[in-house]
């Protein structure tokens, strides 16, 4: 089978697609992966094409605030989306796949699939597109609205109306232009563990909660300096991924102070700039590095302090470590609440309310979640998300 996989966003949006592309290719399928530039994901050995947008550069230049995105829509965000939507059409037409698998942001993917006469499959790394009464659309509303939860999913569907002109322009490349109608996805895949999100009873049968998409290959061993640090005593891992708004030095200071209050050392992953180690908090009990494979450093950690992105949530949960979630935006508050409700994490601390006092108390609460986190990790490590996903794709 020839599969065109299209994704867009930051590292957490690219990693699941890269894992699926590699898994499918290893089993004899032809998988081409359309990706944003500079994602930071290991794409070695994969057949990839650029979708001509660099979210890393946008974040570095303008931050992650939705209001900043609105201010820079005309000069940066809009043109980036326009290039991405057009590149997705162009590259998919050139590949002539049997199947199109796409991220919700790639709004032109369904139209090009229709033009080619092949099925399209939606991938929701965050459950934002399939309505349910169980919870509101993550990133739209941050509290349970009961019987009104389903209505919140209409907001996410509004993106297509927002980019209608750009979609039409991109679809001008198609024979006959943009199709008059597009059927719903042949299937929807959610690379989410049922240990972290029990399947809602009102999801249709075409929606598949597969488990996370993780290769299962051994994590590369860190360099000697990192290994020496990991072996030096109990530590926590702190990472805020691509989140870069606010004061990264203040956050770094807060994390180190709170870890020290519990006798823990700190492995600080500075990422795209969301955390910085201040000079006045340096010491032998702190190691700051830009990035490390989470699967290599989380299994020995006492806990993780993180932003609550879906990829990080699964990496921490897979390792059996408890969480303290410091959400910034989008789906992150949803994951913070969900993990806390499951007994795997302390109550989330919104990033604007992060203080050493709050974080010190949250770390204490999270350490009490250790047994539950270890049990969940054992279950997650037995899941076969990629196998389940590929079985669905090959059955269409």
Protein backbone atom coordinates (compact mmCIF):
# COMPACT_ATOMS: atom_id res chain seq x y z
CA UNK A 1 0.00 0.00 0.00
CA UNK A 2 1.17 3.53 -0.82
CA UNK A 3 0.40 5.79 2.13
CA UNK A 4 0.71 9.57 2.20
CA UNK A 5 1.08 10.75 5.79
CA UNK A 6 0.64 14.49 6.34
CA UNK A 7 1.24 16.28 9.62
CA UNK A 8 1.78 19.81 10.80
CA UNK A 9 2.73 21.48 14.08
CA UNK A 10 5.48 21.02 16.65
CA UNK A 11 7.48 17.94 17.66
CA UNK A 12 4.52 16.31 19.41
CA UNK A 13 2.53 16.47 16.16
CA UNK A 14 5.33 14.95 14.07
CA UNK A 15 6.60 12.11 16.29
CA UNK A 16 3.50 9.87 16.04
CA UNK A 17 3.42 10.20 12.25
CA UNK A 18 7.14 9.45 11.99
CA UNK A 19 6.65 6.33 14.13
CA UNK A 20 3.77 5.18 11.90
CA UNK A 21 5.74 5.87 8.71
CA UNK A 22 8.69 3.85 10.00
CA UNK A 23 6.50 0.99 11.22
CA UNK A 24 4.60 0.78 7.92
CA UNK A 25 7.79 0.99 5.83
CA UNK A 26 9.42 -1.79 7.83
CA UNK A 27 6.45 -3.99 6.90
CA UNK A 28 6.71 -3.46 3.18
CA UNK A 29 4.41 -0.51 2.64
CA UNK A 30 5.44 2.66 0.80
CA UNK A 31 4.97 5.50 3.24
CA UNK A 32 5.80 9.09 2.33
CA UNK A 33 5.73 11.61 5.17
CA UNK A 34 4.91 15.29 4.65
CA UNK A 35 6.27 17.28 7.60
CA UNK A 36 6.98 20.83 8.74
CA UNK A 37 10.60 21.95 8.77
CA UNK A 38 12.88 21.87 11.85
CA UNK A 39 10.60 19.69 13.96
CA UNK A 40 13.50 18.16 15.88
CA UNK A 41 12.20 14.64 15.21
CA UNK A 42 14.54 11.91 13.96
CA UNK A 43 13.42 11.28 10.37
CA UNK A 44 16.48 9.27 9.28
CA UNK A 45 15.65 6.58 6.76
CA UNK A 46 12.14 7.88 6.06
CA UNK A 47 10.78 9.11 2.73
CA UNK A 48 9.94 12.70 3.65
CA UNK A 49 8.87 15.89 1.89
CA UNK A 50 8.64 19.39 3.29
CA UNK A 51 5.30 21.10 3.81
CA UNK A 52 7.13 24.45 3.70
CA UNK A 53 6.28 25.75 7.16
CA UNK A 54 8.64 26.05 10.14
CA UNK A 55 6.73 26.13 13.42
CA UNK A 56 9.99 26.19 15.37
CA UNK A 57 10.95 29.49 13.74
CA UNK A 58 7.48 30.93 14.30
CA UNK A 59 7.61 30.05 18.00
CA UNK A 60 11.15 31.38 18.41
CA UNK A 61 10.22 34.63 16.71
CA UNK A 62 6.76 35.24 18.13
CA UNK A 63 6.08 32.86 21.02
CA UNK A 64 3.02 30.67 21.50
CA UNK A 65 0.34 33.09 22.67
CA UNK A 66 -2.89 32.87 20.63
CA UNK A 67 -3.05 36.66 20.71
CA UNK A 68 0.46 36.84 19.25
CA UNK A 69 -0.65 34.44 16.52
CA UNK A 70 -3.56 36.74 15.71
CA UNK A 71 -1.26 39.78 15.55
CA UNK A 72 1.12 38.00 13.19
CA UNK A 73 -1.52 36.19 11.19
CA UNK A 74 -1.15 38.35 8.09
CA UNK A 75 2.65 38.37 8.02
CA UNK A 76 3.62 34.95 9.40
CA UNK A 77 0.93 32.50 10.46
CA UNK A 78 -1.41 32.96 7.50
CA UNK A 79 1.33 32.68 4.83
CA UNK A 80 2.78 29.65 6.62
CA UNK A 81 -0.59 27.89 6.62
CA UNK A 82 -1.11 28.87 2.96
CA UNK A 83 2.20 27.28 1.93
CA UNK A 84 1.51 24.17 4.01
CA UNK A 85 -1.97 23.62 2.57
CA UNK A 86 -0.70 24.02 -1.01
CA UNK A 87 2.35 21.80 -0.43
CA UNK A 88 0.14 19.05 0.99
CA UNK A 89 -1.93 19.01 -2.22
CA UNK A 90 1.08 19.19 -4.51
CA UNK A 91 3.09 16.46 -2.78
CA UNK A 92 0.11 14.12 -2.45
CA UNK A 93 -0.74 14.46 -6.14
CA UNK A 94 2.87 13.70 -7.04
CA UNK A 95 2.94 10.55 -4.87
CA UNK A 96 -0.39 9.14 -6.07
CA UNK A 97 -1.09 7.20 -2.86
CA UNK A 98 -3.68 4.52 -2.15
CA UNK A 99 -4.54 6.23 1.13
CA UNK A 100 -4.13 9.68 2.74
CA UNK A 101 -3.57 9.84 6.51
CA UNK A 102 -3.58 13.35 7.95
CA UNK A 103 -3.41 15.64 10.95
CA UNK A 104 -6.47 17.90 11.51
CA UNK A 105 -4.40 20.99 10.61
CA UNK A 106 -3.83 19.69 7.07
CA UNK A 107 -7.21 20.93 5.88
CA UNK A 108 -6.61 20.17 2.20
CA UNK A 109 -5.90 16.45 2.73
CA UNK A 110 -9.55 15.27 2.43
CA UNK A 111 -10.04 17.18 -0.84
CA UNK A 112 -6.96 15.76 -2.52
CA UNK A 113 -7.95 12.25 -1.40
CA UNK A 114 -11.35 12.72 -3.02
CA UNK A 115 -9.71 13.98 -6.22
CA UNK A 116 -7.53 10.86 -6.32
CA UNK A 117 -10.43 8.57 -5.47
CA UNK A 118 -8.79 7.17 -2.34
CA UNK A 119 -9.85 7.08 1.34
CA UNK A 120 -8.66 9.63 3.85
CA UNK A 121 -8.03 8.90 7.51
CA UNK A 122 -7.97 11.52 10.25
CA UNK A 123 -5.45 11.27 13.08
CA UNK A 124 -6.36 12.99 16.35
CA UNK A 125 -3.34 13.06 18.67
CA UNK A 126 -5.70 15.17 20.80
CA UNK A 127 -9.42 14.27 20.77
CA UNK A 128 -10.63 17.56 19.25
CA UNK A 129 -12.61 16.47 16.21
CA UNK A 130 -14.91 13.66 17.35
CA UNK A 131 -17.76 15.01 19.50
CA UNK A 132 -18.63 13.32 22.77
CA UNK A 133 -20.79 14.09 25.77
CA UNK A 134 -18.02 12.85 28.07
CA UNK A 135 -15.81 15.95 27.88
CA UNK A 136 -15.66 19.29 26.00
CA UNK A 137 -13.32 19.79 23.07
CA UNK A 138 -9.81 20.11 24.55
CA UNK A 139 -8.46 23.62 24.12
CA UNK A 140 -11.92 25.11 23.56
CA UNK A 141 -13.44 24.90 27.06
CA UNK A 142 -11.58 24.01 30.23
CA UNK A 143 -14.50 22.77 32.31
CA UNK A 144 -17.16 20.11 31.96
CA UNK A 145 -20.37 21.48 30.41
CA UNK A 146 -22.36 18.27 30.78
CA UNK A 147 -24.95 17.87 28.04
CA UNK A 148 -23.45 20.86 26.19
CA UNK A 149 -20.03 19.23 25.78
CA UNK A 150 -20.79 17.99 22.26
CA UNK A 151 -21.56 21.53 21.08
CA UNK A 152 -17.99 22.68 21.84
CA UNK A 153 -16.61 20.57 18.98
CA UNK A 154 -18.17 22.93 16.45
CA UNK A 155 -15.45 25.46 17.34
CA UNK A 156 -12.68 23.16 16.14
CA UNK A 157 -14.55 22.59 12.88
CA UNK A 158 -14.57 26.35 12.33
CA UNK A 159 -10.93 26.27 11.18
CA UNK A 160 -12.04 25.12 7.75
CA UNK A 161 -14.21 28.21 7.37
CA UNK A 162 -11.36 30.42 8.59
CA UNK A 163 -9.01 29.13 5.88
CA UNK A 164 -11.60 28.65 3.15
CA UNK A 165 -9.89 30.93 0.62
CA UNK A 166 -6.52 29.30 1.22
CA UNK A 167 -8.05 25.84 0.82
CA UNK A 168 -9.70 26.90 -2.43
CA UNK A 169 -6.42 28.36 -3.69
CA UNK A 170 -4.48 25.19 -2.80
CA UNK A 171 -7.16 22.98 -4.38
CA UNK A 172 -6.89 24.86 -7.67
CA UNK A 173 -4.08 22.36 -8.40
CA UNK A 174 -6.63 19.53 -8.39
CA UNK A 175 -8.33 18.32 -11.57
CA UNK A 176 -11.63 20.14 -11.43
CA UNK A 177 -10.60 22.25 -8.44
CA UNK A 178 -11.94 21.76 -4.92
CA UNK A 179 -14.54 18.96 -4.75
CA UNK A 180 -18.10 20.11 -4.16
CA UNK A 181 -18.41 17.71 -1.24
CA UNK A 182 -16.03 15.65 0.86
CA UNK A 183 -17.16 12.51 2.70
CA UNK A 184 -16.24 11.99 6.34
CA UNK A 185 -13.00 10.11 7.07
CA UNK A 186 -13.00 6.42 6.30
CA UNK A 187 -11.61 6.04 9.81
CA UNK A 188 -10.32 8.19 12.64
CA UNK A 189 -7.26 7.07 14.59
CA UNK A 190 -6.34 8.35 18.04
CA UNK A 191 -2.78 7.44 19.09
CA UNK A 192 -3.85 7.66 22.74
CA UNK A 193 -3.63 5.05 25.47
CA UNK A 194 -6.96 3.90 26.94
CA UNK A 195 -5.12 3.97 30.26
CA UNK A 196 -5.11 7.77 29.92
CA UNK A 197 -8.41 8.26 28.11
CA UNK A 198 -11.08 5.57 28.44
CA UNK A 199 -13.03 5.36 25.19
CA UNK A 200 -16.26 7.43 25.29
CA UNK A 201 -19.33 5.27 24.75
CA UNK A 202 -20.79 7.68 22.18
CA UNK A 203 -17.88 7.57 19.71
CA UNK A 204 -18.83 5.87 16.42
CA UNK A 205 -17.31 2.53 15.42
CA UNK A 206 -15.12 4.23 12.78
CA UNK A 207 -13.13 5.93 15.58
CA UNK A 208 -10.25 3.80 16.86
CA UNK A 209 -8.44 4.44 20.15
CA UNK A 210 -5.28 2.55 19.18
CA UNK A 211 -2.88 3.19 22.04
CA UNK A 212 0.12 5.45 21.60
CA UNK A 213 2.32 5.22 18.51
CA UNK A 214 5.69 4.29 19.93
CA UNK A 215 8.32 2.26 18.15
CA UNK A 216 9.38 0.22 21.17
CA UNK A 217 13.01 0.33 20.02
CA UNK A 218 15.55 0.78 22.83
CA UNK A 219 16.23 4.43 23.58
CA UNK A 220 19.72 5.57 22.63
CA UNK A 221 22.06 5.74 25.59
CA UNK A 222 22.76 9.32 26.71
CA UNK A 223 26.31 10.63 26.63
CA UNK A 224 28.61 9.92 29.61
CA UNK A 225 27.98 13.26 31.36
CA UNK A 226 24.22 12.67 31.34
CA UNK A 227 24.63 9.05 32.47
CA UNK A 228 26.80 10.15 35.37
CA UNK A 229 24.15 12.64 36.44
CA UNK A 230 21.33 10.08 36.21
CA UNK A 231 23.26 7.68 38.41
CA UNK A 232 23.99 10.29 41.05
CA UNK A 233 20.75 9.98 43.07
CA UNK A 234 17.01 10.73 42.86
CA UNK A 235 16.07 13.31 40.22
CA UNK A 236 13.11 14.88 38.47
CA UNK A 237 12.86 15.70 34.80
CA UNK A 238 11.48 19.10 33.79
CA UNK A 239 10.54 19.94 30.20
CA UNK A 240 8.16 22.42 28.63
CA UNK A 241 8.80 21.29 25.04
CA UNK A 242 8.01 23.99 22.49
CA UNK A 243 6.40 26.32 25.04
CA UNK A 244 8.40 29.53 25.13
CA UNK A 245 6.17 32.31 26.46
CA UNK A 246 6.59 34.10 29.78
CA UNK A 247 9.81 34.12 31.83
CA UNK A 248 11.86 30.94 31.25
CA UNK A 249 14.46 31.94 33.89
CA UNK A 250 11.80 32.37 36.57
CA UNK A 251 10.36 28.96 35.69
CA UNK A 252 13.80 27.35 35.81
CA UNK A 253 14.47 28.92 39.20
CA UNK A 254 11.10 27.70 40.51
CA UNK A 255 11.69 24.12 39.33
CA UNK A 256 15.17 23.90 40.86
CA UNK A 257 14.05 25.40 44.20
CA UNK A 258 11.09 23.03 44.42
CA UNK A 259 13.20 19.99 43.57
CA UNK A 260 15.76 20.93 46.22
CA UNK A 261 12.99 21.26 48.79
CA UNK A 262 12.38 17.53 48.28
CA UNK A 263 16.04 16.51 48.10
CA UNK A 264 15.76 15.87 44.37
CA UNK A 265 18.22 16.77 41.66
CA UNK A 266 16.95 18.42 38.47
CA UNK A 267 17.40 17.39 34.85
CA UNK A 268 16.28 20.52 33.01
CA UNK A 269 15.44 20.06 29.32
CA UNK A 270 15.37 23.59 27.97
CA UNK A 271 13.62 22.71 24.67
CA UNK A 272 12.56 25.63 22.48
CA UNK A 273 13.26 28.11 25.26
CA UNK A 274 10.56 27.45 27.83
CA UNK A 275 13.08 26.74 30.59
CA UNK A 276 16.41 28.39 31.38
CA UNK A 277 18.77 27.69 34.26
CA UNK A 278 19.64 30.97 36.04
CA UNK A 279 23.28 31.40 37.05
CA UNK A 280 22.29 31.72 40.71
CA UNK A 281 20.71 28.23 40.71
CA UNK A 282 23.54 26.28 39.11
CA UNK A 283 25.09 23.42 41.04
CA UNK A 284 26.12 19.78 40.92
CA UNK A 285 22.49 18.81 41.51
CA UNK A 286 21.28 20.44 38.27
CA UNK A 287 21.97 19.49 34.66
CA UNK A 288 20.52 21.65 31.87
CA UNK A 289 20.58 20.40 28.28
CA UNK A 290 18.50 21.42 25.25
CA UNK A 291 16.97 18.01 24.61
CA UNK A 292 17.26 14.31 25.35
CA UNK A 293 15.15 11.29 24.33
CA UNK A 294 12.55 11.13 27.09
CA UNK A 295 12.49 7.33 27.00
CA UNK A 296 16.16 7.35 27.98
CA UNK A 297 15.82 9.56 31.07
CA UNK A 298 12.29 9.09 32.41
CA UNK A 299 12.36 5.45 33.63
CA UNK A 300 14.66 6.35 36.53
CA UNK A 301 13.00 9.67 37.38
CA UNK A 302 11.08 10.27 40.60
CA UNK A 303 8.60 12.36 38.61
CA UNK A 304 8.30 14.72 35.67
CA UNK A 305 7.28 18.38 35.59
CA UNK A 306 5.98 19.22 32.11
CA UNK A 307 3.58 21.28 30.02
CA UNK A 308 1.07 18.52 29.28
CA UNK A 309 1.57 18.06 25.56
CA UNK A 310 0.11 14.74 24.36
CA UNK A 311 3.48 13.27 23.37
CA UNK A 312 5.12 14.14 26.67
CA UNK A 313 2.10 12.90 28.61
CA UNK A 314 2.44 9.49 26.98
CA UNK A 315 6.21 9.34 27.38
CA UNK A 316 5.97 10.05 31.11
CA UNK A 317 3.06 7.66 31.58
CA UNK A 318 4.83 4.90 29.63
CA UNK A 319 7.82 5.24 31.96
CA UNK A 320 5.59 4.82 35.00
CA UNK A 321 6.53 8.20 36.44
CA UNK A 322 4.04 10.55 38.16
CA UNK A 323 3.37 13.99 36.70
CA UNK A 324 3.11 17.62 37.66
CA UNK A 325 1.48 19.35 34.69
CA UNK A 326 2.01 23.08 34.14
CA UNK A 327 -0.31 23.76 31.20
CA UNK A 328 0.14 26.74 28.89
CA UNK A 329 -2.61 26.45 26.26
CA UNK A 330 -4.63 24.26 23.88
CA UNK A 331 -5.11 20.66 25.04
CA UNK A 332 -2.63 20.89 27.92
CA UNK A 333 -5.19 21.83 30.62
CA UNK A 334 -7.28 18.86 29.46
CA UNK A 335 -4.40 16.42 29.98
CA UNK A 336 -3.57 18.01 33.33
CA UNK A 337 -7.12 17.47 34.58
CA UNK A 338 -7.33 14.00 33.08
CA UNK A 339 -4.11 12.76 34.69
CA UNK A 340 -5.10 14.20 38.04
CA UNK A 341 -8.55 12.56 37.86
CA UNK A 342 -6.87 9.21 37.16
CA UNK A 343 -4.59 9.56 40.18
CA UNK A 344 -1.44 9.80 38.06
CA UNK A 345 -0.61 13.44 38.74
CA UNK A 346 -0.94 16.32 41.15
CA UNK A 347 -3.57 18.94 40.37
CA UNK A 348 -2.28 20.99 37.41
CA UNK A 349 -0.73 24.41 37.97
CA UNK A 350 -1.45 26.92 35.17
CA UNK A 351 1.87 28.37 34.01
CA UNK A 352 0.89 31.92 35.01
CA UNK A 353 0.28 30.71 38.58
CA UNK A 354 3.50 28.72 38.91
CA UNK A 355 5.38 29.53 42.12
CA UNK A 356 7.95 27.64 44.16
CA UNK A 357 5.42 27.21 46.95
CA UNK A 358 2.77 25.75 44.63
CA UNK A 359 5.22 23.52 42.80
CA UNK A 360 6.78 22.23 46.02
CA UNK A 361 3.34 21.18 47.26
CA UNK A 362 2.46 19.65 43.89
CA UNK A 363 5.66 17.60 43.83
CA UNK A 364 4.72 16.23 47.25
CA UNK A 365 1.29 15.24 45.90
CA UNK A 366 2.77 13.71 42.75
CA UNK A 367 5.22 11.55 44.67
CA UNK A 368 2.17 10.02 46.35
CA UNK A 369 0.92 8.93 42.90
CA UNK A 370 3.91 6.69 42.28
CA UNK A 371 2.15 3.33 42.67
CA UNK A 372 -0.72 4.27 40.37
CA UNK A 373 1.71 5.68 37.79
CA UNK A 374 3.78 2.48 37.83
CA UNK A 375 0.66 0.33 37.30
CA UNK A 376 -0.46 2.50 34.37
CA UNK A 377 3.03 2.36 32.88
CA UNK A 378 3.02 -1.44 32.96
CA UNK A 379 -0.27 -1.52 31.04
CA UNK A 380 0.80 1.12 28.50
CA UNK A 381 4.00 -0.75 27.72
CA UNK A 382 1.94 -3.78 26.65
CA UNK A 383 -0.08 -1.81 24.09
CA UNK A 384 0.53 -2.21 20.36
CA UNK A 385 -0.70 1.12 19.03
CA UNK A 386 1.20 1.06 15.74
CA UNK A 387 0.10 -2.50 14.97
CA UNK A 388 -3.52 -1.61 15.67
CA UNK A 389 -3.32 1.53 13.53
CA UNK A 390 -1.74 -0.26 10.58
CA UNK A 391 -4.36 -3.01 10.79
CA UNK A 392 -7.10 -0.41 10.48
CA UNK A 393 -5.38 1.28 7.52
CA UNK A 394 -4.83 -1.93 5.60
CA UNK A 395 -8.44 -2.98 6.12
CA UNK A 396 -9.88 0.07 4.35
